[in-house]
Amino acid sequence: MQNTNSENPKVGKAFQEEVCQRLSEQFNVPLQLEKAIPIGNPPKSHRFDCASADSSIVVECKCYTWTDSGNIPSAKMMGLNEAVFYMSYLPAETRKIIAMKKAQFPGRRETFAEYYVRINGHLLSGIEILEVSPEEIRLVHLSQT
């Protein structure tokens, strides 16, 4: 079930804070929220959802769901592709992670994260896709650079 548009910022921020806290604990490295990191040429600061102090770990959080009818949310796919694009400008040695809320729709065999990886896996060079649920953080995709 989708959130209403007015709920989206609050729900997304809560998910971002939860993911960053859980990953900080999992990696045993403090992660800073809304960390600005210079990317591009000439460099311009871009705020990533969270990152380690030395920017060796960078995380984008996506609290996306299927549409109410179970269709592909094309605007959300574009948002994911934008995150991948920005991450592509980070140094190769950076651990790049997109953390996605586990989103299952009745009748679909794959979660939203699994669907995204199946359709856009060719874009994910050096980017990990993690699927986050209250019970676990599951690796959905790991690509070498």
C-alpha atoms as a PDB file:
ATOM      1  CA  MET A   1       0.000   0.000   0.000  1.00  0.00           C
ATOM      2  CA  GLN A   2       1.362   3.373  -1.003  1.00  0.00           C
ATOM      3  CA  ASN A   3       1.741   6.314   1.319  1.00  0.00           C
ATOM      4  CA  THR A   4      -0.196   9.479   0.593  1.00  0.00           C
ATOM      5  CA  ASN A   5       1.889  12.240  -0.964  1.00  0.00           C
ATOM      6  CA  SER A   6       1.784  14.253   2.263  1.00  0.00           C
ATOM      7  CA  GLU A   7       3.191  11.275   4.229  1.00  0.00           C
ATOM      8  CA  ASN A   8       6.054  10.521   1.827  1.00  0.00           C
ATOM      9  CA  PRO A   9       8.678  12.956   3.218  1.00  0.00           C
ATOM     10  CA  LYS A  10       8.098  11.854   6.832  1.00  0.00           C
ATOM     11  CA  VAL A  11       8.081   8.138   5.965  1.00  0.00           C
ATOM     12  CA  GLY A  12      11.171   8.517   3.771  1.00  0.00           C
ATOM     13  CA  LYS A  13      13.102  10.413   6.445  1.00  0.00           C
ATOM     14  CA  ALA A  14      12.234   7.805   9.086  1.00  0.00           C
ATOM     15  CA  PHE A  15      13.384   5.025   6.739  1.00  0.00           C
ATOM     16  CA  GLN A  16      16.637   6.898   6.014  1.00  0.00           C
ATOM     17  CA  GLU A  17      17.372   7.324   9.728  1.00  0.00           C
ATOM     18  CA  GLU A  18      16.551   3.671  10.460  1.00  0.00           C
ATOM     19  CA  VAL A  19      18.734   2.370   7.626  1.00  0.00           C
ATOM     20  CA  CYS A  20      21.683   4.555   8.524  1.00  0.00           C
ATOM     21  CA  GLN A  21      21.479   3.501  12.182  1.00  0.00           C
ATOM     22  CA  ARG A  22      21.211  -0.200  11.336  1.00  0.00           C
ATOM     23  CA  LEU A  23      24.054  -0.063   8.795  1.00  0.00           C
ATOM     24  CA  SER A  24      26.241   1.886  11.252  1.00  0.00           C
ATOM     25  CA  GLU A  25      25.769  -0.957  13.705  1.00  0.00           C
ATOM     26  CA  GLN A  26      26.240  -3.666  11.064  1.00  0.00           C
ATOM     27  CA  PHE A  27      29.457  -2.128   9.672  1.00  0.00           C
ATOM     28  CA  ASN A  28      30.645  -0.867  13.079  1.00  0.00           C
ATOM     29  CA  VAL A  29      31.273   2.527  11.468  1.00  0.00           C
ATOM     30  CA  PRO A  30      29.384   5.730  12.271  1.00  0.00           C
ATOM     31  CA  LEU A  31      27.394   7.005   9.291  1.00  0.00           C
ATOM     32  CA  GLN A  32      26.517  10.692   8.984  1.00  0.00           C
ATOM     33  CA  LEU A  33      23.102  11.703   7.671  1.00  0.00           C
ATOM     34  CA  GLU A  34      22.881  13.997   4.629  1.00  0.00           C
ATOM     35  CA  LYS A  35      26.623  14.024   3.976  1.00  0.00           C
ATOM     36  CA  ALA A  36      27.732  16.323   1.173  1.00  0.00           C
ATOM     37  CA  ILE A  37      30.383  14.781  -1.075  1.00  0.00           C
ATOM     38  CA  PRO A  38      31.947  16.510  -4.095  1.00  0.00           C
ATOM     39  CA  ILE A  39      31.298  14.694  -7.383  1.00  0.00           C
ATOM     40  CA  GLY A  40      31.808  15.476 -11.057  1.00  0.00           C
ATOM     41  CA  ASN A  41      34.272  17.666 -12.905  1.00  0.00           C
ATOM     42  CA  PRO A  42      34.488  20.367 -11.797  1.00  0.00           C
ATOM     43  CA  PRO A  43      33.428  18.951  -8.433  1.00  0.00           C
ATOM     44  CA  LYS A  44      30.097  20.025  -6.999  1.00  0.00           C
ATOM     45  CA  SER A  45      28.736  18.874  -3.638  1.00  0.00           C
ATOM     46  CA  HIS A  46      25.899  16.354  -3.666  1.00  0.00           C
ATOM     47  CA  ARG A  47      24.130  15.300  -0.459  1.00  0.00           C
ATOM     48  CA  PHE A  48      23.938  11.543  -0.073  1.00  0.00           C
ATOM     49  CA  ASP A  49      21.536  10.058   2.480  1.00  0.00           C
ATOM     50  CA  CYS A  50      24.369   8.880   4.701  1.00  0.00           C
ATOM     51  CA  ALA A  51      28.065   8.197   4.519  1.00  0.00           C
ATOM     52  CA  SER A  52      31.067   7.423   6.681  1.00  0.00           C
ATOM     53  CA  ALA A  53      33.270  10.342   7.760  1.00  0.00           C
ATOM     54  CA  ASP A  54      35.921   9.407   5.191  1.00  0.00           C
ATOM     55  CA  SER A  55      33.259   8.766   2.487  1.00  0.00           C
ATOM     56  CA  SER A  56      34.473   5.195   2.032  1.00  0.00           C
ATOM     57  CA  ILE A  57      30.857   4.033   2.507  1.00  0.00           C
ATOM     58  CA  VAL A  58      28.040   5.952   0.810  1.00  0.00           C
ATOM     59  CA  VAL A  59      24.355   5.015   1.104  1.00  0.00           C
ATOM     60  CA  GLU A  60      21.210   6.156  -0.662  1.00  0.00           C
ATOM     61  CA  CYS A  61      17.887   5.066   0.894  1.00  0.00           C
ATOM     62  CA  LYS A  62      14.735   4.443  -1.145  1.00  0.00           C
ATOM     63  CA  CYS A  63      11.434   3.769   0.611  1.00  0.00           C
ATOM     64  CA  TYR A  64       9.579   2.866  -2.587  1.00  0.00           C
ATOM     65  CA  THR A  65       6.578   0.598  -3.153  1.00  0.00           C
ATOM     66  CA  TRP A  66       4.639  -0.791  -6.096  1.00  0.00           C
ATOM     67  CA  THR A  67       1.625   1.206  -7.283  1.00  0.00           C
ATOM     68  CA  ASP A  68      -1.704   0.378  -5.614  1.00  0.00           C
ATOM     69  CA  SER A  69      -2.575  -1.811  -8.610  1.00  0.00           C
ATOM     70  CA  GLY A  70       0.813  -3.561  -8.617  1.00  0.00           C
ATOM     71  CA  ASN A  71       2.182  -1.771 -11.653  1.00  0.00           C
ATOM     72  CA  ILE A  72       5.719  -0.559 -12.120  1.00  0.00           C
ATOM     73  CA  PRO A  73       6.149   2.913 -10.600  1.00  0.00           C
ATOM     74  CA  SER A  74       8.067   4.516 -13.474  1.00  0.00           C
ATOM     75  CA  ALA A  75       8.876   7.755 -11.624  1.00  0.00           C
ATOM     76  CA  LYS A  76      10.397   5.724  -8.786  1.00  0.00           C
ATOM     77  CA  MET A  77      12.460   3.761 -11.293  1.00  0.00           C
ATOM     78  CA  MET A  78      13.803   7.091 -12.554  1.00  0.00           C
ATOM     79  CA  GLY A  79      14.612   8.103  -8.955  1.00  0.00           C
ATOM     80  CA  LEU A  80      16.625   4.919  -8.511  1.00  0.00           C
ATOM     81  CA  ASN A  81      18.442   5.491 -11.793  1.00  0.00           C
ATOM     82  CA  GLU A  82      19.279   9.031 -10.662  1.00  0.00           C
ATOM     83  CA  ALA A  83      20.817   7.643  -7.445  1.00  0.00           C
ATOM     84  CA  VAL A  84      22.863   5.168  -9.531  1.00  0.00           C
ATOM     85  CA  PHE A  85      23.997   8.042 -11.768  1.00  0.00           C
ATOM     86  CA  TYR A  86      25.234  10.144  -8.827  1.00  0.00           C
ATOM     87  CA  MET A  87      26.992   7.133  -7.314  1.00  0.00           C
ATOM     88  CA  SER A  88      28.771   6.488 -10.600  1.00  0.00           C
ATOM     89  CA  TYR A  89      30.816   9.650  -9.925  1.00  0.00           C
ATOM     90  CA  LEU A  90      32.164   8.367  -6.615  1.00  0.00           C
ATOM     91  CA  PRO A  91      35.675   6.851  -6.569  1.00  0.00           C
ATOM     92  CA  ALA A  92      35.844   3.171  -7.539  1.00  0.00           C
ATOM     93  CA  GLU A  93      37.074   2.160  -4.077  1.00  0.00           C
ATOM     94  CA  THR A  94      33.968   3.643  -2.400  1.00  0.00           C
ATOM     95  CA  ARG A  95      31.452   1.120  -1.086  1.00  0.00           C
ATOM     96  CA  LYS A  96      28.264   2.278  -2.820  1.00  0.00           C
ATOM     97  CA  ILE A  97      24.954   1.052  -1.419  1.00  0.00           C
ATOM     98  CA  ILE A  98      21.340   1.625  -2.347  1.00  0.00           C
ATOM     99  CA  ALA A  99      19.124   0.473   0.512  1.00  0.00           C
ATOM    100  CA  MET A 100      15.555  -0.239  -0.596  1.00  0.00           C
ATOM    101  CA  LYS A 101      12.557  -0.917   1.597  1.00  0.00           C
ATOM    102  CA  LYS A 102      11.278  -4.459   1.063  1.00  0.00           C
ATOM    103  CA  ALA A 103       8.163  -4.020  -1.070  1.00  0.00           C
ATOM    104  CA  GLN A 104       6.176  -7.103  -2.047  1.00  0.00           C
ATOM    105  CA  PHE A 105       2.913  -7.010  -4.007  1.00  0.00           C
ATOM    106  CA  PRO A 106       0.413  -9.883  -3.866  1.00  0.00           C
ATOM    107  CA  GLY A 107       0.694 -11.988  -7.002  1.00  0.00           C
ATOM    108  CA  ARG A 108       4.197 -10.781  -7.905  1.00  0.00           C
ATOM    109  CA  ARG A 109       7.023 -13.241  -7.349  1.00  0.00           C
ATOM    110  CA  GLU A 110       9.703 -10.626  -6.923  1.00  0.00           C
ATOM    111  CA  THR A 111      10.099  -7.689  -4.603  1.00  0.00           C
ATOM    112  CA  PHE A 112      10.544  -4.183  -5.955  1.00  0.00           C
ATOM    113  CA  ALA A 113      14.309  -4.389  -5.311  1.00  0.00           C
ATOM    114  CA  GLU A 114      14.567  -7.718  -7.158  1.00  0.00           C
ATOM    115  CA  TYR A 115      12.586  -6.279 -10.071  1.00  0.00           C
ATOM    116  CA  TYR A 116      14.823  -3.209 -10.233  1.00  0.00           C
ATOM    117  CA  VAL A 117      17.970  -5.351 -10.281  1.00  0.00           C
ATOM    118  CA  ARG A 118      16.536  -7.636 -12.987  1.00  0.00           C
ATOM    119  CA  ILE A 119      15.649  -4.693 -15.236  1.00  0.00           C
ATOM    120  CA  ASN A 120      18.596  -2.377 -14.489  1.00  0.00           C
ATOM    121  CA  GLY A 121      21.364  -4.659 -13.244  1.00  0.00           C
ATOM    122  CA  HIS A 122      23.540  -3.610 -16.180  1.00  0.00           C
ATOM    123  CA  LEU A 123      23.733  -0.095 -14.671  1.00  0.00           C
ATOM    124  CA  LEU A 124      24.857  -1.234 -11.227  1.00  0.00           C
ATOM    125  CA  SER A 125      28.594  -1.591 -11.683  1.00  0.00           C
ATOM    126  CA  GLY A 126      30.148  -1.401  -8.226  1.00  0.00           C
ATOM    127  CA  ILE A 127      26.820  -0.763  -6.487  1.00  0.00           C
ATOM    128  CA  GLU A 128      25.224  -2.994  -3.863  1.00  0.00           C
ATOM    129  CA  ILE A 129      21.449  -3.213  -3.561  1.00  0.00           C
ATOM    130  CA  LEU A 130      20.260  -4.037  -0.054  1.00  0.00           C
ATOM    131  CA  GLU A 131      16.646  -4.841   0.749  1.00  0.00           C
ATOM    132  CA  VAL A 132      15.587  -3.658   4.197  1.00  0.00           C
ATOM    133  CA  SER A 133      12.746  -5.115   6.245  1.00  0.00           C
ATOM    134  CA  PRO A 134      12.153  -4.980  10.000  1.00  0.00           C
ATOM    135  CA  GLU A 135      13.533  -8.533  10.248  1.00  0.00           C
ATOM    136  CA  GLU A 136      16.662  -8.271   8.122  1.00  0.00           C
ATOM    137  CA  ILE A 137      18.899  -6.439   5.693  1.00  0.00           C
ATOM    138  CA  ARG A 138      19.332  -8.709   2.673  1.00  0.00           C
ATOM    139  CA  LEU A 139      21.837  -8.364  -0.158  1.00  0.00           C
ATOM    140  CA  VAL A 140      19.943  -8.431  -3.456  1.00  0.00           C
ATOM    141  CA  HIS A 141      22.758  -7.380  -5.771  1.00  0.00           C
ATOM    142  CA  LEU A 142      26.542  -7.131  -5.507  1.00  0.00           C
ATOM    143  CA  SER A 143      28.466  -6.060  -8.564  1.00  0.00           C
ATOM    144  CA  GLN A 144      32.179  -5.709  -8.955  1.00  0.00           C
ATOM    145  CA  THR A 145      33.526  -2.581 -10.651  1.00  0.00           C
END
